[in-house]
Amino acid sequence: MRRLSGMVLAGTLLVLPAFSLTGHAQDAAPAAPAKTLYTGDVAIVMYAINPGKDADYEQVIAKLKEALAKSPAPEAKQQLAGWKIFKSEKPLTADGSTYIHIISPVVKGADYNIVQIVYGVSTDDEKRDFYNLYKGALKGALSLVQAKDIGGGSAPAGGGAPGQ
């Protein structure tokens, strides 16, 4: 009986590492980058830029627009058409500029992760350069507003009330 328990123990010790290696191998697999998805009809995102880095951030925006124009993704052209970026006349932080991204309409299910959009059409060297440019320019996101269109529309031409 003692010999049988020893064999069972030895067998268990041989089999258990195989199960644990499988678990660790799955844990070690790199996670997919997080997608940036918006649920509203409109998204407004404000970003703080590091002092003196406006030109770098504007290069980031130029590369974003270029990447959307070159992207084979079917939604990219729609994203490009609806993504407007403005520089605030008055920064929302004590130092550095504020840039406002207004996305209207939001393309449902499309990834708005700036880095991933640019990486999608870049070589490895271009990815590294872009990452360093973006990281150096961006201080951080300040605010995100997602909104539903309630059908307000614009005033009729001439400024009068409808039907006048």
N, C-alpha and C. Protein backbone atom coordinates (compact mmCIF):
# COMPACT_ATOMS: atom_id res chain seq x y z
N MET A 1 0.83 -1.19 0.00
CA MET A 1 0.00 0.00 0.00
C MET A 1 0.87 1.25 0.00
N ARG A 2 1.95 1.16 0.75
CA ARG A 2 2.85 2.29 0.84
C ARG A 2 3.49 2.57 -0.51
N ARG A 3 3.81 1.50 -1.23
CA ARG A 3 4.41 1.64 -2.55
C ARG A 3 3.41 2.28 -3.52
N LEU A 4 2.13 1.89 -3.44
CA LEU A 4 1.09 2.45 -4.30
C LEU A 4 0.94 3.95 -4.05
N SER A 5 0.93 4.38 -2.78
CA SER A 5 0.81 5.80 -2.48
C SER A 5 2.02 6.56 -2.99
N GLY A 6 3.17 5.97 -2.93
CA GLY A 6 4.38 6.62 -3.45
C GLY A 6 4.29 6.80 -4.95
N MET A 7 3.75 5.82 -5.65
CA MET A 7 3.61 5.91 -7.11
C MET A 7 2.57 6.97 -7.49
N VAL A 8 1.48 7.03 -6.72
CA VAL A 8 0.45 8.03 -6.99
C VAL A 8 1.03 9.43 -6.77
N LEU A 9 1.77 9.60 -5.69
CA LEU A 9 2.39 10.88 -5.40
C LEU A 9 3.38 11.27 -6.50
N ALA A 10 4.20 10.32 -6.92
CA ALA A 10 5.17 10.59 -7.99
C ALA A 10 4.46 10.94 -9.29
N GLY A 11 3.40 10.25 -9.61
CA GLY A 11 2.63 10.53 -10.82
C GLY A 11 2.01 11.92 -10.77
N THR A 12 1.50 12.27 -9.61
CA THR A 12 0.90 13.59 -9.43
C THR A 12 1.94 14.68 -9.62
N LEU A 13 3.12 14.48 -9.07
CA LEU A 13 4.18 15.48 -9.20
C LEU A 13 4.62 15.65 -10.65
N LEU A 14 4.52 14.60 -11.44
CA LEU A 14 4.88 14.70 -12.84
C LEU A 14 3.81 15.40 -13.66
N VAL A 15 2.55 15.20 -13.30
CA VAL A 15 1.44 15.74 -14.08
C VAL A 15 1.13 17.19 -13.71
N LEU A 16 1.21 17.57 -12.45
CA LEU A 16 0.86 18.92 -12.02
C LEU A 16 1.65 20.02 -12.72
N PRO A 17 2.96 19.89 -12.90
CA PRO A 17 3.67 20.96 -13.60
C PRO A 17 3.15 21.20 -15.01
N ALA A 18 2.70 20.17 -15.67
CA ALA A 18 2.17 20.35 -17.03
C ALA A 18 0.95 21.26 -17.01
N PHE A 19 0.08 21.09 -16.00
CA PHE A 19 -1.09 21.95 -15.90
C PHE A 19 -0.70 23.38 -15.54
N SER A 20 0.24 23.53 -14.64
CA SER A 20 0.62 24.88 -14.24
C SER A 20 1.37 25.60 -15.35
N LEU A 21 2.15 24.91 -16.17
CA LEU A 21 2.83 25.57 -17.29
C LEU A 21 1.82 26.10 -18.30
N THR A 22 0.79 25.32 -18.52
CA THR A 22 -0.25 25.77 -19.45
C THR A 22 -0.87 27.06 -18.95
N GLY A 23 -1.18 27.13 -17.67
CA GLY A 23 -1.77 28.33 -17.09
C GLY A 23 -0.84 29.52 -17.19
N HIS A 24 0.46 29.31 -16.90
CA HIS A 24 1.41 30.41 -16.98
C HIS A 24 1.64 30.86 -18.41
N ALA A 25 1.64 29.95 -19.34
CA ALA A 25 1.83 30.33 -20.74
C ALA A 25 0.68 31.22 -21.20
N GLN A 26 -0.52 30.93 -20.74
CA GLN A 26 -1.65 31.77 -21.12
C GLN A 26 -1.55 33.14 -20.46
N ASP A 27 -1.08 33.17 -19.20
CA ASP A 27 -0.93 34.44 -18.51
C ASP A 27 0.12 35.32 -19.17
N ALA A 28 1.17 34.72 -19.74
CA ALA A 28 2.27 35.46 -20.31
C ALA A 28 1.95 36.04 -21.69
N ALA A 29 0.88 35.58 -22.33
CA ALA A 29 0.53 36.09 -23.65
C ALA A 29 0.21 37.58 -23.54
N PRO A 30 0.71 38.41 -24.47
CA PRO A 30 0.45 39.84 -24.38
C PRO A 30 -1.03 40.14 -24.59
N ALA A 31 -1.52 41.05 -23.80
CA ALA A 31 -2.92 41.45 -23.90
C ALA A 31 -3.08 42.38 -25.10
N ALA A 32 -4.22 42.30 -25.74
CA ALA A 32 -4.51 43.20 -26.85
C ALA A 32 -4.67 44.61 -26.30
N PRO A 33 -4.21 45.63 -27.04
CA PRO A 33 -4.37 47.01 -26.56
C PRO A 33 -5.84 47.34 -26.36
N ALA A 34 -6.10 48.15 -25.36
CA ALA A 34 -7.47 48.55 -25.08
C ALA A 34 -8.00 49.41 -26.22
N LYS A 35 -9.21 49.13 -26.61
CA LYS A 35 -9.86 49.95 -27.64
C LYS A 35 -10.49 51.17 -26.99
N THR A 36 -10.57 52.25 -27.73
CA THR A 36 -11.26 53.44 -27.29
C THR A 36 -12.55 53.52 -28.10
N LEU A 37 -13.64 53.16 -27.45
CA LEU A 37 -14.95 53.13 -28.11
C LEU A 37 -15.84 54.20 -27.49
N TYR A 38 -16.62 54.86 -28.31
CA TYR A 38 -17.56 55.86 -27.81
C TYR A 38 -18.97 55.37 -28.09
N THR A 39 -19.86 55.63 -27.14
CA THR A 39 -21.24 55.13 -27.26
C THR A 39 -22.23 56.21 -27.65
N GLY A 40 -21.88 57.46 -27.47
CA GLY A 40 -22.80 58.54 -27.81
C GLY A 40 -22.79 58.82 -29.31
N ASP A 41 -23.64 59.74 -29.71
CA ASP A 41 -23.65 60.20 -31.10
C ASP A 41 -22.50 61.17 -31.34
N VAL A 42 -22.09 61.85 -30.26
CA VAL A 42 -21.01 62.82 -30.29
C VAL A 42 -20.09 62.54 -29.11
N ALA A 43 -18.80 62.69 -29.33
CA ALA A 43 -17.82 62.60 -28.24
C ALA A 43 -16.98 63.87 -28.27
N ILE A 44 -16.77 64.45 -27.09
CA ILE A 44 -15.91 65.62 -26.94
C ILE A 44 -14.84 65.25 -25.92
N VAL A 45 -13.58 65.29 -26.36
CA VAL A 45 -12.47 64.92 -25.49
C VAL A 45 -11.50 66.10 -25.44
N MET A 46 -11.10 66.46 -24.23
CA MET A 46 -10.14 67.56 -24.05
C MET A 46 -8.82 66.99 -23.52
N TYR A 47 -7.74 67.40 -24.15
CA TYR A 47 -6.40 66.94 -23.78
C TYR A 47 -5.53 68.11 -23.37
N ALA A 48 -4.76 67.93 -22.29
CA ALA A 48 -3.75 68.89 -21.87
C ALA A 48 -2.43 68.51 -22.53
N ILE A 49 -1.74 69.50 -23.03
CA ILE A 49 -0.48 69.29 -23.73
C ILE A 49 0.65 69.89 -22.89
N ASN A 50 1.78 69.22 -22.86
CA ASN A 50 2.92 69.71 -22.10
C ASN A 50 3.36 71.07 -22.62
N PRO A 51 3.84 71.94 -21.72
CA PRO A 51 4.29 73.27 -22.14
C PRO A 51 5.34 73.20 -23.24
N GLY A 52 5.17 74.03 -24.26
CA GLY A 52 6.14 74.10 -25.36
C GLY A 52 6.05 72.94 -26.34
N LYS A 53 5.04 72.10 -26.23
CA LYS A 53 4.92 70.92 -27.09
C LYS A 53 3.76 70.99 -28.07
N ASP A 54 3.24 72.19 -28.32
CA ASP A 54 2.12 72.34 -29.25
C ASP A 54 2.47 71.83 -30.65
N ALA A 55 3.65 72.18 -31.15
CA ALA A 55 4.06 71.75 -32.50
C ALA A 55 4.14 70.23 -32.56
N ASP A 56 4.65 69.60 -31.49
CA ASP A 56 4.73 68.14 -31.46
C ASP A 56 3.33 67.53 -31.47
N TYR A 57 2.42 68.10 -30.68
CA TYR A 57 1.06 67.55 -30.65
C TYR A 57 0.37 67.74 -32.00
N GLU A 58 0.62 68.84 -32.64
CA GLU A 58 0.03 69.07 -33.96
C GLU A 58 0.61 68.10 -34.99
N GLN A 59 1.86 67.65 -34.80
CA GLN A 59 2.41 66.58 -35.64
C GLN A 59 1.68 65.27 -35.37
N VAL A 60 1.37 65.01 -34.11
CA VAL A 60 0.59 63.81 -33.74
C VAL A 60 -0.75 63.83 -34.48
N ILE A 61 -1.41 64.97 -34.46
CA ILE A 61 -2.71 65.10 -35.12
C ILE A 61 -2.56 64.91 -36.63
N ALA A 62 -1.52 65.47 -37.22
CA ALA A 62 -1.29 65.30 -38.66
C ALA A 62 -1.08 63.82 -38.99
N LYS A 63 -0.31 63.12 -38.15
CA LYS A 63 -0.08 61.69 -38.37
C LYS A 63 -1.37 60.89 -38.18
N LEU A 64 -2.21 61.29 -37.24
CA LEU A 64 -3.50 60.64 -37.04
C LEU A 64 -4.36 60.78 -38.30
N LYS A 65 -4.46 61.98 -38.81
CA LYS A 65 -5.28 62.22 -40.01
C LYS A 65 -4.72 61.46 -41.21
N GLU A 66 -3.40 61.45 -41.34
CA GLU A 66 -2.76 60.71 -42.43
C GLU A 66 -3.04 59.21 -42.31
N ALA A 67 -2.96 58.70 -41.09
CA ALA A 67 -3.21 57.27 -40.86
C ALA A 67 -4.67 56.91 -41.18
N LEU A 68 -5.60 57.74 -40.79
CA LEU A 68 -7.00 57.47 -41.11
C LEU A 68 -7.24 57.51 -42.62
N ALA A 69 -6.57 58.42 -43.32
CA ALA A 69 -6.71 58.50 -44.77
C ALA A 69 -6.11 57.27 -45.46
N LYS A 70 -5.00 56.73 -44.92
CA LYS A 70 -4.33 55.58 -45.53
C LYS A 70 -4.90 54.23 -45.07
N SER A 71 -5.63 54.23 -43.99
CA SER A 71 -6.09 52.97 -43.39
C SER A 71 -7.01 52.18 -44.32
N PRO A 72 -6.82 50.85 -44.35
CA PRO A 72 -7.73 50.01 -45.13
C PRO A 72 -9.04 49.71 -44.38
N ALA A 73 -9.12 50.10 -43.11
CA ALA A 73 -10.33 49.84 -42.32
C ALA A 73 -11.51 50.60 -42.93
N PRO A 74 -12.63 49.92 -43.13
CA PRO A 74 -13.77 50.57 -43.79
C PRO A 74 -14.32 51.78 -43.04
N GLU A 75 -14.19 51.81 -41.71
CA GLU A 75 -14.74 52.91 -40.93
C GLU A 75 -13.78 54.11 -40.84
N ALA A 76 -12.54 53.95 -41.27
CA ALA A 76 -11.53 55.00 -41.10
C ALA A 76 -11.90 56.30 -41.80
N LYS A 77 -12.42 56.22 -43.00
CA LYS A 77 -12.79 57.44 -43.74
C LYS A 77 -13.93 58.18 -43.04
N GLN A 78 -14.86 57.42 -42.46
CA GLN A 78 -15.95 58.04 -41.70
C GLN A 78 -15.40 58.72 -40.45
N GLN A 79 -14.46 58.06 -39.77
CA GLN A 79 -13.85 58.65 -38.60
C GLN A 79 -13.16 59.96 -38.97
N LEU A 80 -12.39 59.94 -40.03
CA LEU A 80 -11.67 61.13 -40.48
C LEU A 80 -12.63 62.28 -40.76
N ALA A 81 -13.72 61.99 -41.44
CA ALA A 81 -14.68 63.03 -41.81
C ALA A 81 -15.36 63.66 -40.58
N GLY A 82 -15.57 62.88 -39.53
CA GLY A 82 -16.29 63.38 -38.37
C GLY A 82 -15.42 63.81 -37.20
N TRP A 83 -14.10 63.78 -37.35
CA TRP A 83 -13.18 64.07 -36.23
C TRP A 83 -12.55 65.43 -36.44
N LYS A 84 -12.98 66.41 -35.67
CA LYS A 84 -12.45 67.77 -35.75
C LYS A 84 -11.66 68.08 -34.48
N ILE A 85 -10.57 68.81 -34.64
CA ILE A 85 -9.70 69.11 -33.50
C ILE A 85 -9.45 70.61 -33.45
N PHE A 86 -9.60 71.17 -32.26
CA PHE A 86 -9.47 72.60 -32.04
C PHE A 86 -8.47 72.85 -30.92
N LYS A 87 -7.79 73.99 -31.00
CA LYS A 87 -6.92 74.43 -29.90
C LYS A 87 -7.67 75.52 -29.15
N SER A 88 -7.83 75.31 -27.86
CA SER A 88 -8.55 76.27 -27.03
C SER A 88 -7.77 77.58 -26.95
N GLU A 89 -8.50 78.69 -27.03
CA GLU A 89 -7.84 80.00 -26.90
C GLU A 89 -7.36 80.22 -25.47
N LYS A 90 -8.05 79.59 -24.52
CA LYS A 90 -7.66 79.72 -23.12
C LYS A 90 -7.44 78.31 -22.57
N PRO A 91 -6.19 77.97 -22.19
CA PRO A 91 -5.92 76.63 -21.66
C PRO A 91 -6.74 76.34 -20.40
N LEU A 92 -7.05 75.08 -20.19
CA LEU A 92 -7.80 74.67 -19.01
C LEU A 92 -6.89 74.23 -17.87
N THR A 93 -5.59 74.31 -18.09
CA THR A 93 -4.62 74.00 -17.04
C THR A 93 -3.70 75.21 -16.85
N ALA A 94 -2.97 75.22 -15.75
CA ALA A 94 -2.09 76.35 -15.45
C ALA A 94 -0.95 76.49 -16.45
N ASP A 95 -0.50 75.37 -17.01
CA ASP A 95 0.58 75.42 -17.99
C ASP A 95 0.27 74.49 -19.15
N GLY A 96 0.69 74.86 -20.32
CA GLY A 96 0.43 74.04 -21.51
C GLY A 96 -0.92 74.37 -22.13
N SER A 97 -1.09 73.91 -23.35
CA SER A 97 -2.30 74.19 -24.12
C SER A 97 -3.35 73.10 -23.93
N THR A 98 -4.56 73.41 -24.36
CA THR A 98 -5.65 72.45 -24.34
C THR A 98 -6.16 72.26 -25.76
N TYR A 99 -6.27 71.01 -26.18
CA TYR A 99 -6.82 70.67 -27.49
C TYR A 99 -8.13 69.94 -27.28
N ILE A 100 -9.10 70.28 -28.12
CA ILE A 100 -10.45 69.72 -27.99
C ILE A 100 -10.75 68.91 -29.24
N HIS A 101 -11.06 67.64 -29.04
CA HIS A 101 -11.44 66.74 -30.13
C HIS A 101 -12.96 66.62 -30.11
N ILE A 102 -13.59 66.98 -31.21
CA ILE A 102 -15.05 66.82 -31.33
C ILE A 102 -15.29 65.80 -32.43
N ILE A 103 -15.92 64.71 -32.05
CA ILE A 103 -16.17 63.61 -32.97
C ILE A 103 -17.68 63.52 -33.18
N SER A 104 -18.11 63.89 -34.39
CA SER A 104 -19.54 63.89 -34.69
C SER A 104 -19.75 63.67 -36.18
N PRO A 105 -20.39 62.60 -36.55
CA PRO A 105 -20.96 61.58 -35.68
C PRO A 105 -19.89 60.55 -35.28
N VAL A 106 -20.12 59.92 -34.13
CA VAL A 106 -19.27 58.81 -33.70
C VAL A 106 -19.59 57.61 -34.58
N VAL A 107 -18.56 56.93 -35.04
CA VAL A 107 -18.74 55.70 -35.82
C VAL A 107 -18.83 54.56 -34.80
N LYS A 108 -20.01 54.01 -34.65
CA LYS A 108 -20.25 52.97 -33.65
C LYS A 108 -19.34 51.76 -33.89
N GLY A 109 -18.69 51.30 -32.82
CA GLY A 109 -17.83 50.13 -32.90
C GLY A 109 -16.43 50.42 -33.40
N ALA A 110 -16.16 51.64 -33.85
CA ALA A 110 -14.82 52.00 -34.36
C ALA A 110 -13.89 52.31 -33.19
N ASP A 111 -12.63 51.94 -33.35
CA ASP A 111 -11.62 52.21 -32.33
C ASP A 111 -11.07 53.61 -32.54
N TYR A 112 -11.16 54.45 -31.51
CA TYR A 112 -10.64 55.81 -31.57
C TYR A 112 -9.31 55.95 -30.82
N ASN A 113 -8.62 54.85 -30.55
CA ASN A 113 -7.32 54.88 -29.88
C ASN A 113 -6.31 55.47 -30.86
N ILE A 114 -5.85 56.67 -30.59
CA ILE A 114 -4.96 57.39 -31.51
C ILE A 114 -3.71 56.58 -31.83
N VAL A 115 -3.09 56.02 -30.81
CA VAL A 115 -1.86 55.26 -31.03
C VAL A 115 -2.12 54.06 -31.93
N GLN A 116 -3.18 53.33 -31.67
CA GLN A 116 -3.46 52.13 -32.47
C GLN A 116 -3.82 52.48 -33.91
N ILE A 117 -4.50 53.60 -34.11
CA ILE A 117 -4.83 54.03 -35.48
C ILE A 117 -3.54 54.30 -36.26
N VAL A 118 -2.62 55.04 -35.66
CA VAL A 118 -1.36 55.36 -36.34
C VAL A 118 -0.52 54.10 -36.51
N TYR A 119 -0.46 53.26 -35.49
CA TYR A 119 0.33 52.02 -35.59
C TYR A 119 -0.19 51.13 -36.72
N GLY A 120 -1.47 51.20 -37.00
CA GLY A 120 -2.07 50.34 -38.02
C GLY A 120 -1.49 50.53 -39.41
N VAL A 121 -0.84 51.67 -39.66
CA VAL A 121 -0.28 51.94 -40.99
C VAL A 121 1.21 52.30 -40.90
N SER A 122 1.87 51.91 -39.79
CA SER A 122 3.25 52.31 -39.55
C SER A 122 4.21 51.12 -39.51
N THR A 123 5.48 51.41 -39.84
CA THR A 123 6.55 50.42 -39.67
C THR A 123 6.95 50.43 -38.19
N ASP A 124 7.78 49.48 -37.79
CA ASP A 124 8.24 49.43 -36.40
C ASP A 124 8.99 50.70 -36.00
N ASP A 125 9.85 51.20 -36.87
CA ASP A 125 10.58 52.43 -36.56
C ASP A 125 9.63 53.62 -36.44
N GLU A 126 8.65 53.69 -37.34
CA GLU A 126 7.67 54.78 -37.28
C GLU A 126 6.84 54.69 -36.01
N LYS A 127 6.51 53.47 -35.58
CA LYS A 127 5.75 53.29 -34.33
C LYS A 127 6.53 53.84 -33.15
N ARG A 128 7.81 53.51 -33.07
CA ARG A 128 8.65 53.97 -31.96
C ARG A 128 8.74 55.50 -31.97
N ASP A 129 8.98 56.08 -33.15
CA ASP A 129 9.08 57.54 -33.25
C ASP A 129 7.77 58.21 -32.87
N PHE A 130 6.67 57.65 -33.34
CA PHE A 130 5.36 58.23 -33.02
C PHE A 130 5.08 58.15 -31.53
N TYR A 131 5.36 56.99 -30.94
CA TYR A 131 5.13 56.82 -29.51
C TYR A 131 5.89 57.87 -28.71
N ASN A 132 7.17 58.08 -29.04
CA ASN A 132 7.98 59.07 -28.33
C ASN A 132 7.45 60.48 -28.53
N LEU A 133 7.01 60.79 -29.73
CA LEU A 133 6.44 62.11 -30.02
C LEU A 133 5.18 62.34 -29.20
N TYR A 134 4.28 61.35 -29.23
CA TYR A 134 2.99 61.46 -28.53
C TYR A 134 3.20 61.52 -27.02
N LYS A 135 4.05 60.65 -26.51
CA LYS A 135 4.32 60.60 -25.07
C LYS A 135 4.92 61.92 -24.58
N GLY A 136 5.79 62.51 -25.37
CA GLY A 136 6.41 63.78 -24.99
C GLY A 136 5.47 64.96 -25.03
N ALA A 137 4.50 64.92 -25.92
CA ALA A 137 3.59 66.05 -26.09
C ALA A 137 2.40 66.00 -25.14
N LEU A 138 1.86 64.83 -24.91
CA LEU A 138 0.61 64.70 -24.17
C LEU A 138 0.82 64.72 -22.66
N LYS A 139 0.15 65.66 -22.01
CA LYS A 139 0.17 65.69 -20.54
C LYS A 139 -0.89 64.73 -20.02
N GLY A 140 -2.08 64.72 -20.67
CA GLY A 140 -3.14 63.80 -20.26
C GLY A 140 -4.50 64.26 -20.72
N ALA A 141 -5.45 63.35 -20.60
CA ALA A 141 -6.84 63.67 -20.94
C ALA A 141 -7.44 64.45 -19.78
N LEU A 142 -8.19 65.49 -20.09
CA LEU A 142 -8.84 66.31 -19.07
C LEU A 142 -10.29 65.95 -18.88
N SER A 143 -10.97 65.64 -19.98
CA SER A 143 -12.41 65.46 -19.90
C SER A 143 -12.91 64.68 -21.10
N LEU A 144 -13.95 63.90 -20.87
CA LEU A 144 -14.65 63.20 -21.95
C LEU A 144 -16.14 63.39 -21.73
N VAL A 145 -16.81 63.85 -22.78
CA VAL A 145 -18.26 63.98 -22.76
C VAL A 145 -18.80 63.19 -23.94
N GLN A 146 -19.74 62.30 -23.67
CA GLN A 146 -20.42 61.58 -24.74
C GLN A 146 -21.88 62.01 -24.69
N ALA A 147 -22.45 62.33 -25.83
CA ALA A 147 -23.79 62.88 -25.85
C ALA A 147 -24.63 62.24 -26.94
N LYS A 148 -25.92 62.25 -26.72
CA LYS A 148 -26.89 61.78 -27.70
C LYS A 148 -27.47 62.98 -28.43
N ASP A 149 -27.66 62.86 -29.72
CA ASP A 149 -28.27 63.91 -30.52
C ASP A 149 -29.77 63.91 -30.21
N ILE A 150 -30.29 65.06 -29.77
CA ILE A 150 -31.72 65.13 -29.46
C ILE A 150 -32.52 65.82 -30.56
N GLY A 151 -31.86 66.04 -31.71
CA GLY A 151 -32.57 66.54 -32.88
C GLY A 151 -32.85 68.02 -32.85
N GLY A 152 -32.02 68.82 -32.18
CA GLY A 152 -32.23 70.26 -32.11
C GLY A 152 -32.07 70.94 -33.46
N GLY A 153 -31.11 70.48 -34.24
CA GLY A 153 -30.88 71.06 -35.56
C GLY A 153 -30.43 72.51 -35.47
N SER A 154 -30.36 73.15 -36.62
CA SER A 154 -29.94 74.55 -36.66
C SER A 154 -31.11 75.42 -37.05
N ALA A 155 -30.97 76.72 -36.82
CA ALA A 155 -32.02 77.68 -37.15
C ALA A 155 -32.16 77.79 -38.66
N PRO A 156 -33.35 78.05 -39.15
CA PRO A 156 -33.54 78.21 -40.60
C PRO A 156 -32.73 79.39 -41.13
N ALA A 157 -32.41 79.35 -42.41
CA ALA A 157 -31.68 80.45 -43.05
C ALA A 157 -32.46 81.74 -42.88
N GLY A 158 -31.79 82.83 -42.64
CA GLY A 158 -32.46 84.12 -42.46
C GLY A 158 -32.79 84.41 -41.00
N GLY A 159 -32.65 83.44 -40.14
CA GLY A 159 -32.84 83.65 -38.71
C GLY A 159 -34.27 83.68 -38.25
N GLY A 160 -35.24 83.59 -39.12
CA GLY A 160 -36.64 83.65 -38.70
C GLY A 160 -37.13 82.31 -38.21
N ALA A 161 -38.29 82.33 -37.59
CA ALA A 161 -38.89 81.08 -37.10
C ALA A 161 -39.44 80.31 -38.29
N PRO A 162 -39.53 78.99 -38.18
CA PRO A 162 -40.05 78.19 -39.28
C PRO A 162 -41.47 78.64 -39.66
N GLY A 163 -41.71 78.69 -40.96
CA GLY A 163 -43.06 79.00 -41.45
C GLY A 163 -43.34 80.48 -41.55
N GLN A 164 -42.37 81.36 -41.30
CA GLN A 164 -42.62 82.80 -41.40
C GLN A 164 -42.23 83.31 -42.74
